[in-house]
Amino acid sequence: MHYRFVEVEGEEDDLDRVANEWRAKGYQLFQAVYKTTYRWVLIFEREAKASA
């Protein structure tokens, strides 16, 4: 698995926008961690590509 940690500052719409951007890159949202008001860390995961 490959993980990406993305810090987001904003409201729910901002979280959705960032999540959609990373989904378009092939990642899925693994976990959202609340830091402070309007500050989050989103953790995305993606399957590692198999070696041939």
PDB file of N, CA and C in Angstrom:
ATOM      1  N   MET A   1       0.833  -1.186   0.000  1.00  0.00           N
ATOM      2  CA  MET A   1       0.000   0.000   0.000  1.00  0.00           C
ATOM      3  C   MET A   1       0.874   1.245   0.000  1.00  0.00           C
ATOM      4  N   HIS A   2       0.416   2.245  -0.692  1.00  0.00           N
ATOM      5  CA  HIS A   2       1.044   3.568  -0.676  1.00  0.00           C
ATOM      6  C   HIS A   2       0.068   4.515   0.014  1.00  0.00           C
ATOM      7  N   TYR A   3       0.588   5.335   0.894  1.00  0.00           N
ATOM      8  CA  TYR A   3      -0.243   6.288   1.625  1.00  0.00           C
ATOM      9  C   TYR A   3       0.212   7.709   1.342  1.00  0.00           C
ATOM     10  N   ARG A   4      -0.744   8.625   1.313  1.00  0.00           N
ATOM     11  CA  ARG A   4      -0.475  10.054   1.174  1.00  0.00           C
ATOM     12  C   ARG A   4      -1.187  10.762   2.317  1.00  0.00           C
ATOM     13  N   PHE A   5      -0.474  11.682   2.939  1.00  0.00           N
ATOM     14  CA  PHE A   5      -1.033  12.487   4.022  1.00  0.00           C
ATOM     15  C   PHE A   5      -1.192  13.903   3.495  1.00  0.00           C
ATOM     16  N   VAL A   6      -2.409  14.415   3.541  1.00  0.00           N
ATOM     17  CA  VAL A   6      -2.708  15.725   2.984  1.00  0.00           C
ATOM     18  C   VAL A   6      -3.362  16.574   4.069  1.00  0.00           C
ATOM     19  N   GLU A   7      -2.732  17.699   4.405  1.00  0.00           N
ATOM     20  CA  GLU A   7      -3.307  18.617   5.381  1.00  0.00           C
ATOM     21  C   GLU A   7      -4.275  19.545   4.669  1.00  0.00           C
ATOM     22  N   VAL A   8      -5.467  19.699   5.246  1.00  0.00           N
ATOM     23  CA  VAL A   8      -6.505  20.521   4.641  1.00  0.00           C
ATOM     24  C   VAL A   8      -7.009  21.516   5.683  1.00  0.00           C
ATOM     25  N   GLU A   9      -7.121  22.762   5.262  1.00  0.00           N
ATOM     26  CA  GLU A   9      -7.690  23.786   6.127  1.00  0.00           C
ATOM     27  C   GLU A   9      -8.932  24.317   5.432  1.00  0.00           C
ATOM     28  N   GLY A  10     -10.056  24.232   6.096  1.00  0.00           N
ATOM     29  CA  GLY A  10     -11.292  24.730   5.502  1.00  0.00           C
ATOM     30  C   GLY A  10     -12.495  24.007   6.046  1.00  0.00           C
ATOM     31  N   GLU A  11     -13.594  24.150   5.337  1.00  0.00           N
ATOM     32  CA  GLU A  11     -14.851  23.554   5.752  1.00  0.00           C
ATOM     33  C   GLU A  11     -15.092  22.246   5.010  1.00  0.00           C
ATOM     34  N   GLU A  12     -16.257  21.675   5.222  1.00  0.00           N
ATOM     35  CA  GLU A  12     -16.583  20.370   4.641  1.00  0.00           C
ATOM     36  C   GLU A  12     -16.457  20.357   3.122  1.00  0.00           C
ATOM     37  N   ASP A  13     -16.841  21.440   2.471  1.00  0.00           N
ATOM     38  CA  ASP A  13     -16.720  21.514   1.008  1.00  0.00           C
ATOM     39  C   ASP A  13     -15.267  21.379   0.570  1.00  0.00           C
ATOM     40  N   ASP A  14     -14.343  21.943   1.344  1.00  0.00           N
ATOM     41  CA  ASP A  14     -12.921  21.850   1.023  1.00  0.00           C
ATOM     42  C   ASP A  14     -12.435  20.411   1.173  1.00  0.00           C
ATOM     43  N   LEU A  15     -12.926  19.714   2.194  1.00  0.00           N
ATOM     44  CA  LEU A  15     -12.549  18.316   2.391  1.00  0.00           C
ATOM     45  C   LEU A  15     -13.037  17.468   1.217  1.00  0.00           C
ATOM     46  N   ASP A  16     -14.273  17.694   0.795  1.00  0.00           N
ATOM     47  CA  ASP A  16     -14.829  16.958  -0.351  1.00  0.00           C
ATOM     48  C   ASP A  16     -14.031  17.233  -1.617  1.00  0.00           C
ATOM     49  N   ARG A  17     -13.668  18.482  -1.840  1.00  0.00           N
ATOM     50  CA  ARG A  17     -12.915  18.850  -3.046  1.00  0.00           C
ATOM     51  C   ARG A  17     -11.566  18.137  -3.076  1.00  0.00           C
ATOM     52  N   VAL A  18     -10.854  18.153  -1.956  1.00  0.00           N
ATOM     53  CA  VAL A  18      -9.544  17.500  -1.886  1.00  0.00           C
ATOM     54  C   VAL A  18      -9.695  15.992  -2.054  1.00  0.00           C
ATOM     55  N   ALA A  19     -10.689  15.406  -1.404  1.00  0.00           N
ATOM     56  CA  ALA A  19     -10.917  13.963  -1.534  1.00  0.00           C
ATOM     57  C   ALA A  19     -11.202  13.586  -2.987  1.00  0.00           C
ATOM     58  N   ASN A  20     -12.000  14.384  -3.687  1.00  0.00           N
ATOM     59  CA  ASN A  20     -12.299  14.102  -5.091  1.00  0.00           C
ATOM     60  C   ASN A  20     -11.059  14.234  -5.972  1.00  0.00           C
ATOM     61  N   GLU A  21     -10.213  15.214  -5.685  1.00  0.00           N
ATOM     62  CA  GLU A  21      -8.974  15.380  -6.453  1.00  0.00           C
ATOM     63  C   GLU A  21      -8.086  14.144  -6.317  1.00  0.00           C
ATOM     64  N   TRP A  22      -7.957  13.613  -5.100  1.00  0.00           N
ATOM     65  CA  TRP A  22      -7.105  12.447  -4.884  1.00  0.00           C
ATOM     66  C   TRP A  22      -7.742  11.168  -5.425  1.00  0.00           C
ATOM     67  N   ARG A  23      -9.074  11.078  -5.405  1.00  0.00           N
ATOM     68  CA  ARG A  23      -9.746   9.924  -6.020  1.00  0.00           C
ATOM     69  C   ARG A  23      -9.440   9.888  -7.512  1.00  0.00           C
ATOM     70  N   ALA A  24      -9.409  11.046  -8.139  1.00  0.00           N
ATOM     71  CA  ALA A  24      -9.108  11.133  -9.573  1.00  0.00           C
ATOM     72  C   ALA A  24      -7.677  10.655  -9.866  1.00  0.00           C
ATOM     73  N   LYS A  25      -6.793  10.712  -8.875  1.00  0.00           N
ATOM     74  CA  LYS A  25      -5.413  10.253  -9.029  1.00  0.00           C
ATOM     75  C   LYS A  25      -5.252   8.778  -8.680  1.00  0.00           C
ATOM     76  N   GLY A  26      -6.370   8.110  -8.330  1.00  0.00           N
ATOM     77  CA  GLY A  26      -6.323   6.677  -8.052  1.00  0.00           C
ATOM     78  C   GLY A  26      -6.227   6.318  -6.580  1.00  0.00           C
ATOM     79  N   TYR A  27      -6.388   7.275  -5.701  1.00  0.00           N
ATOM     80  CA  TYR A  27      -6.340   7.023  -4.263  1.00  0.00           C
ATOM     81  C   TYR A  27      -7.750   6.967  -3.698  1.00  0.00           C
ATOM     82  N   GLN A  28      -7.898   6.275  -2.579  1.00  0.00           N
ATOM     83  CA  GLN A  28      -9.171   6.306  -1.865  1.00  0.00           C
ATOM     84  C   GLN A  28      -8.921   6.824  -0.459  1.00  0.00           C
ATOM     85  N   LEU A  29      -9.912   7.495   0.091  1.00  0.00           N
ATOM     86  CA  LEU A  29      -9.779   8.058   1.425  1.00  0.00           C
ATOM     87  C   LEU A  29      -9.725   6.926   2.443  1.00  0.00           C
ATOM     88  N   PHE A  30      -8.687   6.894   3.234  1.00  0.00           N
ATOM     89  CA  PHE A  30      -8.492   5.869   4.249  1.00  0.00           C
ATOM     90  C   PHE A  30      -8.977   6.364   5.608  1.00  0.00           C
ATOM     91  N   GLN A  31      -8.626   7.614   5.956  1.00  0.00           N
ATOM     92  CA  GLN A  31      -8.995   8.154   7.251  1.00  0.00           C
ATOM     93  C   GLN A  31      -8.899   9.672   7.229  1.00  0.00           C
ATOM     94  N   ALA A  32      -9.771  10.319   8.000  1.00  0.00           N
ATOM     95  CA  ALA A  32      -9.715  11.774   8.194  1.00  0.00           C
ATOM     96  C   ALA A  32      -9.434  12.011   9.672  1.00  0.00           C
ATOM     97  N   VAL A  33      -8.389  12.782   9.964  1.00  0.00           N
ATOM     98  CA  VAL A  33      -7.979  13.037  11.339  1.00  0.00           C
ATOM     99  C   VAL A  33      -8.204  14.511  11.649  1.00  0.00           C
ATOM    100  N   TYR A  34      -9.010  14.779  12.660  1.00  0.00           N
ATOM    101  CA  TYR A  34      -9.318  16.142  13.092  1.00  0.00           C
ATOM    102  C   TYR A  34      -8.146  16.681  13.892  1.00  0.00           C
ATOM    103  N   LYS A  35      -7.649  17.856  13.516  1.00  0.00           N
ATOM    104  CA  LYS A  35      -6.555  18.486  14.254  1.00  0.00           C
ATOM    105  C   LYS A  35      -7.089  19.616  15.123  1.00  0.00           C
ATOM    106  N   THR A  36      -7.638  20.630  14.516  1.00  0.00           N
ATOM    107  CA  THR A  36      -8.248  21.762  15.208  1.00  0.00           C
ATOM    108  C   THR A  36      -9.425  22.211  14.361  1.00  0.00           C
ATOM    109  N   THR A  37     -10.129  23.224  14.812  1.00  0.00           N
ATOM    110  CA  THR A  37     -11.257  23.735  14.044  1.00  0.00           C
ATOM    111  C   THR A  37     -10.804  24.085  12.627  1.00  0.00           C
ATOM    112  N   TYR A  38     -11.465  23.483  11.667  1.00  0.00           N
ATOM    113  CA  TYR A  38     -11.202  23.698  10.237  1.00  0.00           C
ATOM    114  C   TYR A  38      -9.830  23.201   9.782  1.00  0.00           C
ATOM    115  N   ARG A  39      -9.169  22.341  10.544  1.00  0.00           N
ATOM    116  CA  ARG A  39      -7.892  21.764  10.106  1.00  0.00           C
ATOM    117  C   ARG A  39      -7.972  20.249  10.231  1.00  0.00           C
ATOM    118  N   TRP A  40      -7.669  19.587   9.141  1.00  0.00           N
ATOM    119  CA  TRP A  40      -7.748  18.129   9.058  1.00  0.00           C
ATOM    120  C   TRP A  40      -6.511  17.588   8.368  1.00  0.00           C
ATOM    121  N   VAL A  41      -6.217  16.325   8.637  1.00  0.00           N
ATOM    122  CA  VAL A  41      -5.246  15.574   7.846  1.00  0.00           C
ATOM    123  C   VAL A  41      -6.027  14.432   7.215  1.00  0.00           C
ATOM    124  N   LEU A  42      -6.022  14.389   5.900  1.00  0.00           N
ATOM    125  CA  LEU A  42      -6.676  13.295   5.182  1.00  0.00           C
ATOM    126  C   LEU A  42      -5.613  12.292   4.778  1.00  0.00           C
ATOM    127  N   ILE A  43      -5.893  11.020   5.038  1.00  0.00           N
ATOM    128  CA  ILE A  43      -4.947   9.957   4.695  1.00  0.00           C
ATOM    129  C   ILE A  43      -5.570   9.148   3.570  1.00  0.00           C
ATOM    130  N   PHE A  44      -4.853   9.087   2.463  1.00  0.00           N
ATOM    131  CA  PHE A  44      -5.310   8.357   1.283  1.00  0.00           C
ATOM    132  C   PHE A  44      -4.430   7.140   1.078  1.00  0.00           C
ATOM    133  N   GLU A  45      -5.017   6.084   0.523  1.00  0.00           N
ATOM    134  CA  GLU A  45      -4.239   4.887   0.228  1.00  0.00           C
ATOM    135  C   GLU A  45      -4.445   4.474  -1.215  1.00  0.00           C
ATOM    136  N   ARG A  46      -3.445   3.779  -1.739  1.00  0.00           N
ATOM    137  CA  ARG A  46      -3.510   3.242  -3.098  1.00  0.00           C
ATOM    138  C   ARG A  46      -2.732   1.942  -3.112  1.00  0.00           C
ATOM    139  N   GLU A  47      -3.265   0.968  -3.801  1.00  0.00           N
ATOM    140  CA  GLU A  47      -2.586  -0.316  -3.936  1.00  0.00           C
ATOM    141  C   GLU A  47      -1.270  -0.143  -4.657  1.00  0.00           C
ATOM    142  N   ALA A  48      -0.252  -0.818  -4.197  1.00  0.00           N
ATOM    143  CA  ALA A  48       1.033  -0.794  -4.879  1.00  0.00           C
ATOM    144  C   ALA A  48       0.901  -1.573  -6.184  1.00  0.00           C
ATOM    145  N   LYS A  49       1.535  -1.073  -7.209  1.00  0.00           N
ATOM    146  CA  LYS A  49       1.509  -1.780  -8.502  1.00  0.00           C
ATOM    147  C   LYS A  49       2.372  -3.025  -8.397  1.00  0.00           C
ATOM    148  N   ALA A  50       1.838  -4.125  -8.905  1.00  0.00           N
ATOM    149  CA  ALA A  50       2.571  -5.399  -8.864  1.00  0.00           C
ATOM    150  C   ALA A  50       3.749  -5.364  -9.839  1.00  0.00           C
ATOM    151  N   SER A  51       4.851  -5.902  -9.413  1.00  0.00           N
ATOM    152  CA  SER A  51       6.029  -5.981 -10.288  1.00  0.00           C
ATOM    153  C   SER A  51       5.870  -7.150 -11.233  1.00  0.00           C
ATOM    154  N   ALA A  52       6.292  -6.981 -12.469  1.00  0.00           N
ATOM    155  CA  ALA A  52       6.172  -8.059 -13.454  1.00  0.00           C
ATOM    156  C   ALA A  52       7.401  -8.919 -13.474  1.00  0.00           C
TER     157      ALA A  52
END
